[in-house]
PDB file of all heavy atoms in Angstrom:
ATOM      1  N   MET A   1     171.919 242.820  72.493  1.00  0.00           N
ATOM      2  CA  MET A   1     171.840 243.443  71.147  1.00  0.00           C
ATOM      3  C   MET A   1     170.530 242.993  70.552  1.00  0.00           C
ATOM      4  O   MET A   1     170.285 241.767  70.461  1.00  0.00           O
ATOM      5  CB  MET A   1     173.020 243.071  70.289  1.00  0.00           C
ATOM      6  CG  MET A   1     174.367 243.537  70.831  1.00  0.00           C
ATOM      7  SD  MET A   1     175.778 242.852  69.916  1.00  0.00           S
ATOM      8  CE  MET A   1     175.681 243.716  68.368  1.00  0.00           C
ATOM      9  N   THR A   2     169.674 243.919  70.133  1.00  0.00           N
ATOM     10  CA  THR A   2     168.277 243.549  69.896  1.00  0.00           C
ATOM     11  C   THR A   2     167.709 244.120  68.601  1.00  0.00           C
ATOM     12  O   THR A   2     168.206 245.101  68.058  1.00  0.00           O
ATOM     13  CB  THR A   2     167.351 244.013  71.044  1.00  0.00           C
ATOM     14  OG1 THR A   2     167.473 245.464  71.161  1.00  0.00           O
ATOM     15  CG2 THR A   2     167.746 243.322  72.327  1.00  0.00           C
ATOM     16  N   MET A   3     166.675 243.436  68.103  1.00  0.00           N
ATOM     17  CA  MET A   3     165.818 243.974  67.054  1.00  0.00           C
ATOM     18  C   MET A   3     164.466 244.260  67.689  1.00  0.00           C
ATOM     19  O   MET A   3     163.940 243.502  68.527  1.00  0.00           O
ATOM     20  CB  MET A   3     165.593 242.940  65.961  1.00  0.00           C
ATOM     21  CG  MET A   3     166.801 242.698  65.087  1.00  0.00           C
ATOM     22  SD  MET A   3     166.416 241.489  63.783  1.00  0.00           S
ATOM     23  CE  MET A   3     167.995 241.492  62.908  1.00  0.00           C
ATOM     24  N   LEU A   4     163.914 245.421  67.316  1.00  0.00           N
ATOM     25  CA  LEU A   4     162.546 245.784  67.773  1.00  0.00           C
ATOM     26  C   LEU A   4     161.669 245.977  66.561  1.00  0.00           C
ATOM     27  O   LEU A   4     162.084 246.472  65.505  1.00  0.00           O
ATOM     28  CB  LEU A   4     162.577 247.105  68.574  1.00  0.00           C
ATOM     29  CG  LEU A   4     163.328 247.131  69.857  1.00  0.00           C
ATOM     30  CD1 LEU A   4     163.291 248.489  70.498  1.00  0.00           C
ATOM     31  CD2 LEU A   4     162.823 246.084  70.844  1.00  0.00           C
ATOM     32  N   ALA A   5     160.392 245.588  66.683  1.00  0.00           N
ATOM     33  CA  ALA A   5     159.463 245.708  65.608  1.00  0.00           C
ATOM     34  C   ALA A   5     158.105 246.183  66.120  1.00  0.00           C
ATOM     35  O   ALA A   5     157.639 245.772  67.177  1.00  0.00           O
ATOM     36  CB  ALA A   5     159.264 244.344  64.911  1.00  0.00           C
ATOM     37  N   ALA A   6     157.504 247.095  65.366  1.00  0.00           N
ATOM     38  CA  ALA A   6     156.124 247.495  65.552  1.00  0.00           C
ATOM     39  C   ALA A   6     155.324 246.876  64.410  1.00  0.00           C
ATOM     40  O   ALA A   6     155.718 246.987  63.260  1.00  0.00           O
ATOM     41  CB  ALA A   6     156.011 249.038  65.548  1.00  0.00           C
ATOM     42  N   VAL A   7     154.168 246.299  64.751  1.00  0.00           N
ATOM     43  CA  VAL A   7     153.460 245.442  63.771  1.00  0.00           C
ATOM     44  C   VAL A   7     151.954 245.621  63.831  1.00  0.00           C
ATOM     45  O   VAL A   7     151.411 245.820  64.914  1.00  0.00           O
ATOM     46  CB  VAL A   7     153.794 243.974  64.019  1.00  0.00           C
ATOM     47  CG1 VAL A   7     153.248 243.111  62.873  1.00  0.00           C
ATOM     48  CG2 VAL A   7     155.308 243.724  64.173  1.00  0.00           C
ATOM     49  N   SER A   8     151.346 245.513  62.658  1.00  0.00           N
ATOM     50  CA  SER A   8     149.883 245.356  62.573  1.00  0.00           C
ATOM     51  C   SER A   8     149.569 244.378  61.463  1.00  0.00           C
ATOM     52  O   SER A   8     150.343 244.252  60.502  1.00  0.00           O
ATOM     53  CB  SER A   8     149.195 246.686  62.320  1.00  0.00           C
ATOM     54  OG  SER A   8     149.134 247.488  63.493  1.00  0.00           O
ATOM     55  N   LYS A   9     148.406 243.760  61.559  1.00  0.00           N
ATOM     56  CA  LYS A   9     147.923 242.917  60.468  1.00  0.00           C
ATOM     57  C   LYS A   9     147.518 243.787  59.279  1.00  0.00           C
ATOM     58  O   LYS A   9     147.122 244.926  59.419  1.00  0.00           O
ATOM     59  CB  LYS A   9     146.688 242.146  60.931  1.00  0.00           C
ATOM     60  CG  LYS A   9     146.951 241.005  61.880  1.00  0.00           C
ATOM     61  CD  LYS A   9     145.663 240.253  62.158  1.00  0.00           C
ATOM     62  CE  LYS A   9     145.808 239.096  63.072  1.00  0.00           C
ATOM     63  NZ  LYS A   9     144.504 238.408  63.318  1.00  0.00           N
ATOM     64  N   ARG A  10     147.656 243.201  58.069  1.00  0.00           N
ATOM     65  CA  ARG A  10     147.103 243.796  56.868  1.00  0.00           C
ATOM     66  C   ARG A  10     145.949 242.916  56.362  1.00  0.00           C
ATOM     67  O   ARG A  10     145.928 241.731  56.583  1.00  0.00           O
ATOM     68  CB  ARG A  10     148.187 243.823  55.750  1.00  0.00           C
ATOM     69  CG  ARG A  10     149.275 244.828  55.932  1.00  0.00           C
ATOM     70  CD  ARG A  10     150.308 244.677  54.823  1.00  0.00           C
ATOM     71  NE  ARG A  10     149.743 244.903  53.499  1.00  0.00           N
ATOM     72  CZ  ARG A  10     149.764 246.085  52.845  1.00  0.00           C
ATOM     73  NH1 ARG A  10     150.406 247.115  53.401  1.00  0.00           N
ATOM     74  NH2 ARG A  10     149.227 246.201  51.662  1.00  0.00           N
ATOM     75  N   PRO A  11     145.000 243.548  55.641  1.00  0.00           N
ATOM     76  CA  PRO A  11     143.875 242.755  55.132  1.00  0.00           C
ATOM     77  C   PRO A  11     144.224 241.931  53.913  1.00  0.00           C
ATOM     78  O   PRO A  11     143.463 241.020  53.518  1.00  0.00           O
ATOM     79  CB  PRO A  11     142.817 243.806  54.823  1.00  0.00           C
ATOM     80  CG  PRO A  11     143.594 245.033  54.483  1.00  0.00           C
ATOM     81  CD  PRO A  11     144.825 244.988  55.420  1.00  0.00           C
ATOM     82  N   ASP A  12     145.358 242.251  53.251  1.00  0.00           N
ATOM     83  CA  ASP A  12     145.761 241.496  52.049  1.00  0.00           C
ATOM     84  C   ASP A  12     146.810 240.507  52.393  1.00  0.00           C
ATOM     85  O   ASP A  12     147.196 240.336  53.564  1.00  0.00           O
ATOM     86  CB  ASP A  12     146.171 242.411  50.920  1.00  0.00           C
ATOM     87  CG  ASP A  12     147.370 243.299  51.327  1.00  0.00           C
ATOM     88  OD1 ASP A  12     147.928 243.071  52.390  1.00  0.00           O
ATOM     89  OD2 ASP A  12     147.702 244.209  50.569  1.00  0.00           O
ATOM     90  N   GLU A  13     147.353 239.819  51.398  1.00  0.00           N
ATOM     91  CA  GLU A  13     148.390 238.808  51.599  1.00  0.00           C
ATOM     92  C   GLU A  13     149.785 239.325  51.276  1.00  0.00           C
ATOM     93  O   GLU A  13     150.496 238.769  50.427  1.00  0.00           O
ATOM     94  CB  GLU A  13     148.055 237.558  50.801  1.00  0.00           C
ATOM     95  CG  GLU A  13     146.750 236.864  51.201  1.00  0.00           C
ATOM     96  CD  GLU A  13     146.472 235.629  50.368  1.00  0.00           C
ATOM     97  OE1 GLU A  13     147.097 234.566  50.697  1.00  0.00           O
ATOM     98  OE2 GLU A  13     145.729 235.741  49.425  1.00  0.00           O
ATOM     99  N   THR A  14     150.112 240.442  51.919  1.00  0.00           N
ATOM    100  CA  THR A  14     151.414 241.070  51.669  1.00  0.00           C
ATOM    101  C   THR A  14     152.118 241.393  52.961  1.00  0.00           C
ATOM    102  O   THR A  14     151.505 241.756  53.944  1.00  0.00           O
ATOM    103  CB  THR A  14     151.182 242.405  50.894  1.00  0.00           C
ATOM    104  OG1 THR A  14     150.472 242.129  49.716  1.00  0.00           O
ATOM    105  CG2 THR A  14     152.539 243.035  50.501  1.00  0.00           C
ATOM    106  N   ILE A  15     153.427 241.165  52.984  1.00  0.00           N
ATOM    107  CA  ILE A  15     154.272 241.633  54.077  1.00  0.00           C
ATOM    108  C   ILE A  15     154.992 242.894  53.624  1.00  0.00           C
ATOM    109  O   ILE A  15     155.679 242.905  52.603  1.00  0.00           O
ATOM    110  CB  ILE A  15     155.338 240.574  54.480  1.00  0.00           C
ATOM    111  CG1 ILE A  15     154.724 239.258  54.771  1.00  0.00           C
ATOM    112  CG2 ILE A  15     156.192 241.077  55.652  1.00  0.00           C
ATOM    113  CD1 ILE A  15     153.916 239.154  56.039  1.00  0.00           C
ATOM    114  N   VAL A  16     154.793 244.003  54.371  1.00  0.00           N
ATOM    115  CA  VAL A  16     155.517 245.262  54.047  1.00  0.00           C
ATOM    116  C   VAL A  16     156.391 245.540  55.246  1.00  0.00           C
ATOM    117  O   VAL A  16     155.938 245.694  56.364  1.00  0.00           O
ATOM    118  CB  VAL A  16     154.499 246.400  53.843  1.00  0.00           C
ATOM    119  CG1 VAL A  16     155.292 247.694  53.567  1.00  0.00           C
ATOM    120  CG2 VAL A  16     153.601 246.100  52.651  1.00  0.00           C
ATOM    121  N   LEU A  17     157.715 245.612  54.995  1.00  0.00           N
ATOM    122  CA  LEU A  17     158.711 245.844  56.036  1.00  0.00           C
ATOM    123  C   LEU A  17     159.434 247.123  55.758  1.00  0.00           C
ATOM    124  O   LEU A  17     160.056 247.321  54.693  1.00  0.00           O
ATOM    125  CB  LEU A  17     159.691 244.675  56.058  1.00  0.00           C
ATOM    126  CG  LEU A  17     160.889 244.864  57.004  1.00  0.00           C
ATOM    127  CD1 LEU A  17     160.498 244.970  58.459  1.00  0.00           C
ATOM    128  CD2 LEU A  17     161.912 243.699  56.799  1.00  0.00           C
ATOM    129  N   GLU A  18     159.413 248.053  56.730  1.00  0.00           N
ATOM    130  CA  GLU A  18     160.198 249.248  56.692  1.00  0.00           C
ATOM    131  C   GLU A  18     161.189 249.159  57.838  1.00  0.00           C
ATOM    132  O   GLU A  18     160.847 249.271  59.022  1.00  0.00           O
ATOM    133  CB  GLU A  18     159.289 250.468  56.918  1.00  0.00           C
ATOM    134  CG  GLU A  18     158.258 250.693  55.839  1.00  0.00           C
ATOM    135  CD  GLU A  18     158.758 251.540  54.648  1.00  0.00           C
ATOM    136  OE1 GLU A  18     159.871 252.072  54.787  1.00  0.00           O
ATOM    137  OE2 GLU A  18     158.056 251.629  53.640  1.00  0.00           O
ATOM    138  N   SER A  19     162.454 248.978  57.497  1.00  0.00           N
ATOM    139  CA  SER A  19     163.527 248.850  58.486  1.00  0.00           C
ATOM    140  C   SER A  19     164.461 250.047  58.393  1.00  0.00           C
ATOM    141  O   SER A  19     164.936 250.374  57.289  1.00  0.00           O
ATOM    142  CB  SER A  19     164.309 247.563  58.254  1.00  0.00           C
ATOM    143  OG  SER A  19     165.249 247.342  59.285  1.00  0.00           O
ATOM    144  N   GLU A  20     164.725 250.688  59.541  1.00  0.00           N
ATOM    145  CA  GLU A  20     165.535 251.875  59.546  1.00  0.00           C
ATOM    146  C   GLU A  20     166.904 251.633  58.860  1.00  0.00           C
ATOM    147  O   GLU A  20     167.581 250.711  59.246  1.00  0.00           O
ATOM    148  CB  GLU A  20     165.745 252.370  60.992  1.00  0.00           C
ATOM    149  CG  GLU A  20     164.525 253.004  61.636  1.00  0.00           C
ATOM    150  CD  GLU A  20     164.807 253.605  62.976  1.00  0.00           C
ATOM    151  OE1 GLU A  20     165.585 254.542  63.060  1.00  0.00           O
ATOM    152  OE2 GLU A  20     164.230 253.127  63.940  1.00  0.00           O
ATOM    153  N   GLY A  21     167.225 252.514  57.933  1.00  0.00           N
ATOM    154  CA  GLY A  21     168.498 252.390  57.229  1.00  0.00           C
ATOM    155  C   GLY A  21     168.521 251.504  56.006  1.00  0.00           C
ATOM    156  O   GLY A  21     169.542 251.334  55.355  1.00  0.00           O
ATOM    157  N   TYR A  22     167.357 250.896  55.681  1.00  0.00           N
ATOM    158  CA  TYR A  22     167.288 249.995  54.539  1.00  0.00           C
ATOM    159  C   TYR A  22     166.107 250.304  53.648  1.00  0.00           C
ATOM    160  O   TYR A  22     165.107 250.894  54.121  1.00  0.00           O
ATOM    161  CB  TYR A  22     167.172 248.527  55.041  1.00  0.00           C
ATOM    162  CG  TYR A  22     168.361 248.082  55.844  1.00  0.00           C
ATOM    163  CD1 TYR A  22     168.372 248.180  57.231  1.00  0.00           C
ATOM    164  CD2 TYR A  22     169.515 247.539  55.209  1.00  0.00           C
ATOM    165  CE1 TYR A  22     169.475 247.771  57.978  1.00  0.00           C
ATOM    166  CE2 TYR A  22     170.574 247.141  55.912  1.00  0.00           C
ATOM    167  CZ  TYR A  22     170.573 247.233  57.317  1.00  0.00           C
ATOM    168  OH  TYR A  22     171.634 246.811  58.051  1.00  0.00           O
ATOM    169  N   PRO A  23     166.154 249.945  52.365  1.00  0.00           N
ATOM    170  CA  PRO A  23     165.010 250.170  51.488  1.00  0.00           C
ATOM    171  C   PRO A  23     163.824 249.320  51.955  1.00  0.00           C
ATOM    172  O   PRO A  23     163.985 248.246  52.545  1.00  0.00           O
ATOM    173  CB  PRO A  23     165.522 249.657  50.098  1.00  0.00           C
ATOM    174  CG  PRO A  23     166.980 249.609  50.227  1.00  0.00           C
ATOM    175  CD  PRO A  23     167.309 249.356  51.657  1.00  0.00           C
ATOM    176  N   PRO A  24     162.613 249.782  51.676  1.00  0.00           N
ATOM    177  CA  PRO A  24     161.416 249.007  52.069  1.00  0.00           C
ATOM    178  C   PRO A  24     161.347 247.678  51.281  1.00  0.00           C
ATOM    179  O   PRO A  24     161.890 247.607  50.185  1.00  0.00           O
ATOM    180  CB  PRO A  24     160.234 249.933  51.707  1.00  0.00           C
ATOM    181  CG  PRO A  24     160.814 250.894  50.711  1.00  0.00           C
ATOM    182  CD  PRO A  24     162.273 251.056  51.038  1.00  0.00           C
ATOM    183  N   ILE A  25     160.704 246.729  51.872  1.00  0.00           N
ATOM    184  CA  ILE A  25     160.582 245.384  51.290  1.00  0.00           C
ATOM    185  C   ILE A  25     159.098 244.988  51.258  1.00  0.00           C
ATOM    186  O   ILE A  25     158.376 245.214  52.253  1.00  0.00           O
ATOM    187  CB  ILE A  25     161.335 244.331  52.097  1.00  0.00           C
ATOM    188  CG1 ILE A  25     162.849 244.607  52.020  1.00  0.00           C
ATOM    189  CG2 ILE A  25     161.049 242.915  51.593  1.00  0.00           C
ATOM    190  CD1 ILE A  25     163.699 243.762  52.950  1.00  0.00           C
ATOM    191  N   GLU A  26     158.632 244.456  50.137  1.00  0.00           N
ATOM    192  CA  GLU A  26     157.290 243.871  50.017  1.00  0.00           C
ATOM    193  C   GLU A  26     157.422 242.430  49.562  1.00  0.00           C
ATOM    194  O   GLU A  26     158.151 242.163  48.595  1.00  0.00           O
ATOM    195  CB  GLU A  26     156.396 244.666  49.045  1.00  0.00           C
ATOM    196  CG  GLU A  26     155.963 246.019  49.606  1.00  0.00           C
ATOM    197  CD  GLU A  26     154.842 246.612  48.794  1.00  0.00           C
ATOM    198  OE1 GLU A  26     154.201 245.883  47.997  1.00  0.00           O
ATOM    199  OE2 GLU A  26     154.634 247.846  48.949  1.00  0.00           O
ATOM    200  N   VAL A  27     156.705 241.554  50.196  1.00  0.00           N
ATOM    201  CA  VAL A  27     156.667 240.143  49.799  1.00  0.00           C
ATOM    202  C   VAL A  27     155.183 239.707  49.706  1.00  0.00           C
ATOM    203  O   VAL A  27     154.414 239.889  50.606  1.00  0.00           O
ATOM    204  CB  VAL A  27     157.384 239.255  50.878  1.00  0.00           C
ATOM    205  CG1 VAL A  27     157.189 237.783  50.503  1.00  0.00           C
ATOM    206  CG2 VAL A  27     158.878 239.594  50.900  1.00  0.00           C
ATOM    207  N   ASP A  28     154.890 239.158  48.516  1.00  0.00           N
ATOM    208  CA  ASP A  28     153.522 238.665  48.246  1.00  0.00           C
ATOM    209  C   ASP A  28     153.459 237.216  48.730  1.00  0.00           C
ATOM    210  O   ASP A  28     154.126 236.311  48.248  1.00  0.00           O
ATOM    211  CB  ASP A  28     153.318 238.731  46.730  1.00  0.00           C
ATOM    212  CG  ASP A  28     151.844 238.366  46.336  1.00  0.00           C
ATOM    213  OD1 ASP A  28     151.128 237.770  47.167  1.00  0.00           O
ATOM    214  OD2 ASP A  28     151.468 238.706  45.215  1.00  0.00           O
ATOM    215  N   LEU A  29     152.568 236.977  49.721  1.00  0.00           N
ATOM    216  CA  LEU A  29     152.444 235.648  50.312  1.00  0.00           C
ATOM    217  C   LEU A  29     151.772 234.658  49.402  1.00  0.00           C
ATOM    218  O   LEU A  29     151.670 233.463  49.731  1.00  0.00           O
ATOM    219  CB  LEU A  29     151.685 235.745  51.647  1.00  0.00           C
ATOM    220  CG  LEU A  29     152.372 236.580  52.769  1.00  0.00           C
ATOM    221  CD1 LEU A  29     151.518 236.606  53.997  1.00  0.00           C
ATOM    222  CD2 LEU A  29     153.748 236.028  53.054  1.00  0.00           C
ATOM    223  N   ARG A  30     151.262 235.123  48.249  1.00  0.00           N
ATOM    224  CA  ARG A  30     150.698 234.195  47.236  1.00  0.00           C
ATOM    225  C   ARG A  30     151.822 233.523  46.431  1.00  0.00           C
ATOM    226  O   ARG A  30     151.542 232.576  45.703  1.00  0.00           O
ATOM    227  CB  ARG A  30     149.736 234.921  46.368  1.00  0.00           C
ATOM    228  CG  ARG A  30     148.456 235.419  47.073  1.00  0.00           C
ATOM    229  CD  ARG A  30     147.689 236.362  46.188  1.00  0.00           C
ATOM    230  NE  ARG A  30     148.442 237.532  45.865  1.00  0.00           N
ATOM    231  CZ  ARG A  30     147.968 238.535  45.113  1.00  0.00           C
ATOM    232  NH1 ARG A  30     146.730 238.479  44.579  1.00  0.00           N
ATOM    233  NH2 ARG A  30     148.731 239.592  44.849  1.00  0.00           N
ATOM    234  N   ASP A  31     153.027 234.038  46.564  1.00  0.00           N
ATOM    235  CA  ASP A  31     154.200 233.449  45.861  1.00  0.00           C
ATOM    236  C   ASP A  31     155.223 233.046  46.919  1.00  0.00           C
ATOM    237  O   ASP A  31     155.998 233.837  47.387  1.00  0.00           O
ATOM    238  CB  ASP A  31     154.763 234.518  44.920  1.00  0.00           C
ATOM    239  CG  ASP A  31     156.075 234.007  44.260  1.00  0.00           C
ATOM    240  OD1 ASP A  31     156.351 232.806  44.321  1.00  0.00           O
ATOM    241  OD2 ASP A  31     156.796 234.875  43.736  1.00  0.00           O
ATOM    242  N   LEU A  32     155.231 231.778  47.273  1.00  0.00           N
ATOM    243  CA  LEU A  32     156.103 231.294  48.323  1.00  0.00           C
ATOM    244  C   LEU A  32     157.164 230.263  47.811  1.00  0.00           C
ATOM    245  O   LEU A  32     157.723 229.533  48.576  1.00  0.00           O
ATOM    246  CB  LEU A  32     155.293 230.668  49.460  1.00  0.00           C
ATOM    247  CG  LEU A  32     154.410 231.658  50.225  1.00  0.00           C
ATOM    248  CD1 LEU A  32     153.695 230.948  51.390  1.00  0.00           C
ATOM    249  CD2 LEU A  32     155.200 232.842  50.774  1.00  0.00           C
ATOM    250  N   LYS A  33     157.349 230.295  46.487  1.00  0.00           N
ATOM    251  CA  LYS A  33     158.417 229.413  45.974  1.00  0.00           C
ATOM    252  C   LYS A  33     159.794 230.064  46.268  1.00  0.00           C
ATOM    253  O   LYS A  33     159.910 231.222  46.582  1.00  0.00           O
ATOM    254  CB  LYS A  33     158.235 229.199  44.461  1.00  0.00           C
ATOM    255  CG  LYS A  33     158.421 230.488  43.623  1.00  0.00           C
ATOM    256  CD  LYS A  33     158.240 230.135  42.169  1.00  0.00           C
ATOM    257  CE  LYS A  33     158.436 231.369  41.267  1.00  0.00           C
ATOM    258  NZ  LYS A  33     157.370 232.381  41.455  1.00  0.00           N
ATOM    259  N   VAL A  34     160.829 229.235  46.184  1.00  0.00           N
ATOM    260  CA  VAL A  34     162.209 229.715  46.410  1.00  0.00           C
ATOM    261  C   VAL A  34     162.574 230.669  45.243  1.00  0.00           C
ATOM    262  O   VAL A  34     162.413 230.333  44.083  1.00  0.00           O
ATOM    263  CB  VAL A  34     163.206 228.547  46.488  1.00  0.00           C
ATOM    264  CG1 VAL A  34     164.606 229.098  46.617  1.00  0.00           C
ATOM    265  CG2 VAL A  34     162.858 227.651  47.655  1.00  0.00           C
TER     266      VAL A  34
END
């Protein structure tokens, strides 16, 4: 039972995740507090 991901680097400090069946997620890597 597996997860598959297609990935590229971004020039900024943001993670953008598009996962099938779920809303998109953005995380700013300049804010890493809990």
